[in-house]
Amino acid sequence: MISSVSLTEDAQLNEGEKAWKPSVKHSGRADEDEPEFLKTQELFRRLQRVLNRLTPQTFQPLMKQMTELTIDTEERLKGVVELIFEKAISEPNFSVTCANMCRGLMGLKVPTTDKPGVTVNFRKLLLNRCQVEFEKDKNDETFEKQKELDAATGEEEKQRLKEELEDAKDKAQQRSLGNIKFIGELFKLRMLTEAIMHDCIVKLLKKQEEESLECVCCLLSTIGKELDFKMAKPRMDQYFNQMEKIIKEQKTSSRIRFMLQDLLDLRRVNNWNRL
């Protein structure tokens, strides 16, 4: 097993860091800053319109529009990263297109707000965002709902809170799957390294939770062919032996076991080629 590494070697990340969100309301800035605030909001609106129209067919003209946007402050760059990231993980069908867009913006850099003479670049912010999402504890998101459910007394209230809890869990898992697929697509464009991908797989397999195993299947279905070359074969064999053991132990749901078995067949029977 490899040691833990960050998603990008030059970005020191704080685990559990809250994701930056583009502001949508006036934040009490001084009057002289108002024009800049409005410019920032207009930038986010224009980017959102581009993302709403994004398809593989419209990619080239929309990418040209992206390069014409004025992204010249740290706040604006962080907002651009956040909007593209949310599009990619909430609509996984667009992960390939969003990854290509990120590839086109990879070299974009701006001055930092609090360190004169220092710049921050698009790639570093994007990979930071992916890692924060990857390391997020989904239990934190559902803890309050579970607490409310435990304290509920009426049957109707219990049923309502139970449904809300399941919905929160489903949404958290969909975000995890969207993020892991996006990470895979970024790797295929060489924005992430093989070492980072192996680290993700190790961490997910180590948990042995159904949600994590589903993410392993999603990631390896996306990038398994690219990772499975001669020098990496012993490591890949180790992962798949571990998956076989999980299947045989039958401690997971049949859905997850079938998913793992499909992945085993994809590698060993079909040589990563989908029928």
Protein backbone atom coordinates (compact mmCIF):
# COMPACT_ATOMS: atom_id res chain seq x y z
CA MET A 1 0.00 0.00 0.00
CA ILE A 2 1.31 3.48 -0.79
CA SER A 3 1.59 6.27 1.70
CA SER A 4 -0.93 9.10 1.80
CA VAL A 5 -0.33 11.94 -0.63
CA SER A 6 -2.23 15.11 -1.40
CA LEU A 7 -4.00 15.57 -4.71
CA THR A 8 -1.29 17.94 -5.81
CA GLU A 9 2.25 17.92 -4.58
CA ASP A 10 2.58 21.72 -4.51
CA ALA A 11 -0.67 22.35 -2.63
CA GLN A 12 -0.67 21.88 1.11
CA LEU A 13 -4.30 21.29 1.99
CA ASN A 14 -6.20 21.56 5.22
CA GLU A 15 -8.43 18.54 5.72
CA GLY A 16 -12.02 19.49 6.38
CA GLU A 17 -11.57 22.98 4.94
CA LYS A 18 -14.93 24.45 4.01
CA ALA A 19 -15.49 24.92 0.31
CA TRP A 20 -15.56 28.52 -0.91
CA LYS A 21 -18.89 29.61 -2.31
CA PRO A 22 -19.48 32.46 -4.78
CA SER A 23 -21.23 35.28 -2.97
CA VAL A 24 -24.69 36.22 -4.19
CA LYS A 25 -25.57 39.04 -1.81
CA HIS A 26 -23.90 42.30 -0.88
CA SER A 27 -21.41 41.58 1.86
CA GLY A 28 -21.19 45.00 3.48
CA ARG A 29 -18.39 46.32 1.28
CA ALA A 30 -17.54 49.99 1.19
CA ASP A 31 -19.22 52.10 -1.50
CA GLU A 32 -15.99 52.48 -3.48
CA ASP A 33 -15.83 48.69 -3.85
CA GLU A 34 -19.34 48.36 -5.21
CA PRO A 35 -18.34 48.44 -8.94
CA GLU A 36 -15.87 45.58 -8.39
CA PHE A 37 -18.45 43.58 -6.47
CA LEU A 38 -20.96 44.00 -9.32
CA LYS A 39 -18.32 42.99 -11.88
CA THR A 40 -17.65 39.82 -9.89
CA GLN A 41 -21.33 38.95 -9.73
CA GLU A 42 -21.70 39.57 -13.48
CA LEU A 43 -18.74 37.27 -14.12
CA PHE A 44 -20.40 34.47 -12.17
CA ARG A 45 -23.68 34.99 -14.02
CA ARG A 46 -21.94 34.86 -17.40
CA LEU A 47 -20.08 31.70 -16.42
CA GLN A 48 -23.30 30.09 -15.21
CA ARG A 49 -24.91 30.84 -18.58
CA VAL A 50 -21.94 29.19 -20.32
CA LEU A 51 -22.22 26.11 -18.10
CA ASN A 52 -25.98 25.88 -18.68
CA ARG A 53 -25.34 25.65 -22.44
CA LEU A 54 -22.31 23.35 -22.20
CA THR A 55 -22.33 20.19 -24.34
CA PRO A 56 -19.59 18.37 -26.27
CA GLN A 57 -20.96 20.02 -29.42
CA THR A 58 -20.89 23.56 -28.02
CA PHE A 59 -17.59 23.14 -26.18
CA GLN A 60 -15.28 24.99 -28.57
CA PRO A 61 -17.27 28.25 -28.93
CA LEU A 62 -18.13 28.27 -25.23
CA MET A 63 -14.49 27.65 -24.29
CA LYS A 64 -13.61 30.71 -26.39
CA GLN A 65 -16.14 32.73 -24.39
CA MET A 66 -14.52 31.44 -21.18
CA THR A 67 -11.10 32.71 -22.24
CA GLU A 68 -12.61 36.16 -22.82
CA LEU A 69 -13.91 36.47 -19.25
CA THR A 70 -12.04 38.79 -16.89
CA ILE A 71 -10.81 36.47 -14.15
CA ASP A 72 -8.24 38.66 -12.45
CA THR A 73 -8.76 38.33 -8.69
CA GLU A 74 -8.53 35.44 -6.24
CA GLU A 75 -12.23 35.74 -5.40
CA ARG A 76 -13.19 35.52 -9.07
CA LEU A 77 -10.88 32.58 -9.73
CA LYS A 78 -12.24 30.69 -6.72
CA GLY A 79 -15.77 31.37 -7.91
CA VAL A 80 -14.98 30.02 -11.38
CA VAL A 81 -13.47 26.87 -9.87
CA GLU A 82 -16.47 26.35 -7.60
CA LEU A 83 -19.08 26.77 -10.34
CA ILE A 84 -17.31 24.38 -12.74
CA PHE A 85 -16.69 21.87 -9.95
CA GLU A 86 -20.36 21.89 -8.89
CA LYS A 87 -21.47 21.41 -12.49
CA ALA A 88 -19.12 18.43 -12.88
CA ILE A 89 -20.09 16.55 -9.71
CA SER A 90 -23.81 17.33 -9.67
CA GLU A 91 -24.21 16.35 -13.34
CA PRO A 92 -21.70 13.50 -13.89
CA ASN A 93 -22.69 13.21 -17.56
CA PHE A 94 -20.82 16.50 -18.01
CA SER A 95 -17.69 15.42 -16.11
CA VAL A 96 -15.70 14.78 -19.30
CA THR A 97 -16.63 18.16 -20.81
CA CYS A 98 -15.99 19.98 -17.53
CA ALA A 99 -12.61 18.26 -17.20
CA ASN A 100 -11.71 19.44 -20.71
CA MET A 101 -12.74 22.95 -19.75
CA CYS A 102 -10.49 22.74 -16.66
CA ARG A 103 -7.64 21.57 -18.87
CA GLY A 104 -8.06 24.72 -20.95
CA LEU A 105 -8.00 26.93 -17.84
CA MET A 106 -5.19 25.07 -16.05
CA GLY A 107 -2.56 27.78 -16.54
CA LEU A 108 -4.75 30.63 -15.30
CA LYS A 109 -3.25 32.40 -12.26
CA VAL A 110 -4.01 35.55 -10.28
CA PRO A 111 -2.43 37.45 -7.36
CA THR A 112 -3.43 36.24 -3.90
CA THR A 113 -5.47 38.58 -1.74
CA ASP A 114 -3.34 38.50 1.41
CA LYS A 115 0.20 37.81 0.13
CA PRO A 116 1.63 40.52 -2.15
CA GLY A 117 3.74 39.14 -4.98
CA VAL A 118 2.33 35.62 -4.60
CA THR A 119 -0.02 34.07 -7.16
CA VAL A 120 -2.55 31.24 -6.98
CA ASN A 121 -3.43 29.15 -10.03
CA PHE A 122 -6.55 27.43 -11.29
CA ARG A 123 -5.10 23.90 -11.07
CA LYS A 124 -4.11 24.24 -7.43
CA LEU A 125 -7.54 25.58 -6.41
CA LEU A 126 -9.36 22.91 -8.41
CA LEU A 127 -7.40 19.98 -6.98
CA ASN A 128 -7.73 21.46 -3.50
CA ARG A 129 -11.50 21.50 -4.01
CA CYS A 130 -11.56 17.90 -5.22
CA GLN A 131 -9.56 16.73 -2.20
CA VAL A 132 -11.75 18.60 0.28
CA GLU A 133 -14.80 16.87 -1.22
CA PHE A 134 -13.03 13.49 -1.25
CA GLU A 135 -12.05 13.75 2.43
CA LYS A 136 -15.38 15.12 3.61
CA ASP A 137 -17.04 12.93 6.21
CA LYS A 138 -20.57 12.27 4.98
CA ASN A 139 -21.55 11.48 8.56
CA ASP A 140 -21.20 15.18 9.36
CA GLU A 141 -23.89 15.97 6.80
CA THR A 142 -26.38 13.47 8.20
CA PHE A 143 -25.56 13.76 11.91
CA GLU A 144 -28.14 16.49 12.63
CA LYS A 145 -30.89 14.61 10.77
CA GLN A 146 -30.11 11.45 12.74
CA LYS A 147 -30.17 13.47 15.96
CA GLU A 148 -33.63 14.86 15.11
CA LEU A 149 -34.86 11.38 14.25
CA ASP A 150 -33.60 9.92 17.54
CA ALA A 151 -35.39 12.68 19.47
CA ALA A 152 -38.69 12.40 17.55
CA THR A 153 -41.72 10.92 19.32
CA GLY A 154 -44.65 10.96 16.88
CA GLU A 155 -44.82 8.26 14.21
CA GLU A 156 -45.54 10.74 11.42
CA GLU A 157 -42.60 12.91 12.46
CA LYS A 158 -40.33 9.86 12.64
CA GLN A 159 -41.35 8.75 9.17
CA ARG A 160 -40.80 12.22 7.73
CA LEU A 161 -37.36 12.55 9.35
CA LYS A 162 -36.41 9.04 8.26
CA GLU A 163 -37.20 9.93 4.65
CA GLU A 164 -35.24 13.18 4.97
CA LEU A 165 -32.27 11.29 6.41
CA GLU A 166 -32.28 8.77 3.56
CA ASP A 167 -32.54 11.62 1.06
CA ALA A 168 -29.56 13.38 2.68
CA LYS A 169 -27.53 10.15 2.53
CA ASP A 170 -28.43 9.61 -1.13
CA LYS A 171 -27.43 13.18 -2.04
CA ALA A 172 -24.12 12.84 -0.17
CA GLN A 173 -23.35 9.59 -2.00
CA GLN A 174 -24.22 11.09 -5.38
CA ARG A 175 -21.80 13.93 -4.68
CA SER A 176 -19.09 11.42 -3.75
CA LEU A 177 -19.65 9.45 -6.95
CA GLY A 178 -19.73 12.63 -9.04
CA ASN A 179 -16.48 13.81 -7.47
CA ILE A 180 -14.69 10.50 -7.93
CA LYS A 181 -15.71 10.32 -11.59
CA PHE A 182 -14.52 13.89 -12.11
CA ILE A 183 -11.18 13.05 -10.44
CA GLY A 184 -10.84 10.13 -12.85
CA GLU A 185 -11.48 12.35 -15.87
CA LEU A 186 -8.92 14.89 -14.63
CA PHE A 187 -6.40 12.05 -14.33
CA LYS A 188 -7.06 10.96 -17.91
CA LEU A 189 -6.14 14.50 -18.97
CA ARG A 190 -2.90 14.25 -16.92
CA MET A 191 -4.00 16.86 -14.38
CA LEU A 192 -3.53 14.25 -11.64
CA THR A 193 -0.82 11.63 -11.16
CA GLU A 194 -0.98 7.84 -10.93
CA ALA A 195 0.24 8.03 -7.33
CA ILE A 196 -2.77 10.17 -6.44
CA MET A 197 -5.15 7.69 -8.07
CA HIS A 198 -3.63 4.76 -6.18
CA ASP A 199 -3.90 6.73 -2.95
CA CYS A 200 -7.62 7.30 -3.58
CA ILE A 201 -8.18 3.58 -4.26
CA VAL A 202 -6.27 2.55 -1.12
CA LYS A 203 -8.28 4.91 1.08
CA LEU A 204 -11.62 3.81 -0.38
CA LEU A 205 -10.85 0.09 -0.07
CA LYS A 206 -9.56 0.53 3.46
CA LYS A 207 -12.93 1.86 4.66
CA GLN A 208 -14.80 -1.21 3.35
CA GLU A 209 -18.06 0.73 3.53
CA GLU A 210 -20.63 0.19 0.81
CA GLU A 211 -20.47 3.85 -0.23
CA SER A 212 -16.68 3.70 -0.55
CA LEU A 213 -16.76 0.41 -2.46
CA GLU A 214 -19.21 1.93 -4.92
CA CYS A 215 -16.78 4.83 -5.39
CA VAL A 216 -13.93 2.35 -6.03
CA CYS A 217 -16.01 0.71 -8.75
CA CYS A 218 -16.79 4.09 -10.27
CA LEU A 219 -13.15 5.20 -10.24
CA LEU A 220 -11.69 1.98 -11.63
CA SER A 221 -14.38 1.78 -14.30
CA THR A 222 -13.24 5.24 -15.39
CA ILE A 223 -9.44 4.86 -15.22
CA GLY A 224 -8.67 1.17 -14.67
CA LYS A 225 -7.36 0.66 -18.19
CA GLU A 226 -4.94 3.59 -17.84
CA LEU A 227 -3.62 2.33 -14.47
CA ASP A 228 -3.29 -1.36 -15.34
CA PHE A 229 0.08 -1.56 -17.08
CA LYS A 230 2.96 -4.01 -16.52
CA MET A 231 4.81 -2.21 -13.70
CA ALA A 232 1.59 -1.48 -11.80
CA LYS A 233 0.17 -5.01 -12.17
CA PRO A 234 1.19 -6.25 -8.67
CA ARG A 235 -0.55 -3.29 -7.07
CA MET A 236 -3.66 -3.73 -9.21
CA ASP A 237 -3.69 -7.46 -8.40
CA GLN A 238 -3.68 -6.54 -4.74
CA TYR A 239 -6.77 -4.37 -5.14
CA PHE A 240 -8.66 -7.03 -7.05
CA ASN A 241 -7.70 -9.79 -4.63
CA GLN A 242 -9.10 -7.61 -1.87
CA MET A 243 -12.32 -7.15 -3.83
CA GLU A 244 -12.64 -10.90 -4.37
CA LYS A 245 -12.29 -11.40 -0.63
CA ILE A 246 -15.05 -8.86 0.03
CA ILE A 247 -17.33 -10.69 -2.42
CA LYS A 248 -16.65 -14.07 -0.79
CA GLU A 249 -17.24 -12.79 2.74
CA GLN A 250 -20.75 -11.65 1.71
CA LYS A 251 -20.85 -8.90 4.33
CA THR A 252 -21.99 -6.32 1.82
CA SER A 253 -25.28 -6.01 -0.03
CA SER A 254 -25.83 -8.07 -3.17
CA ARG A 255 -25.88 -4.82 -5.19
CA ILE A 256 -22.32 -3.98 -4.16
CA ARG A 257 -21.13 -7.57 -4.68
CA PHE A 258 -22.54 -7.59 -8.22
CA MET A 259 -20.87 -4.23 -8.84
CA LEU A 260 -17.51 -5.58 -7.66
CA GLN A 261 -17.94 -8.75 -9.72
CA ASP A 262 -18.73 -6.70 -12.83
CA LEU A 263 -15.49 -4.78 -12.25
CA LEU A 264 -13.51 -8.02 -11.87
CA ASP A 265 -15.00 -9.32 -15.11
CA LEU A 266 -14.28 -6.02 -16.87
CA ARG A 267 -10.59 -6.44 -16.08
CA ARG A 268 -9.99 -10.18 -16.28
CA VAL A 269 -12.47 -11.32 -18.91
CA ASN A 270 -12.83 -8.27 -21.14
CA ASN A 271 -9.41 -6.64 -20.61
CA TRP A 272 -11.13 -3.35 -19.65
CA ASN A 273 -13.12 -3.28 -22.89
CA ARG A 274 -16.83 -2.78 -22.35
CA LEU A 275 -19.03 -4.96 -24.54
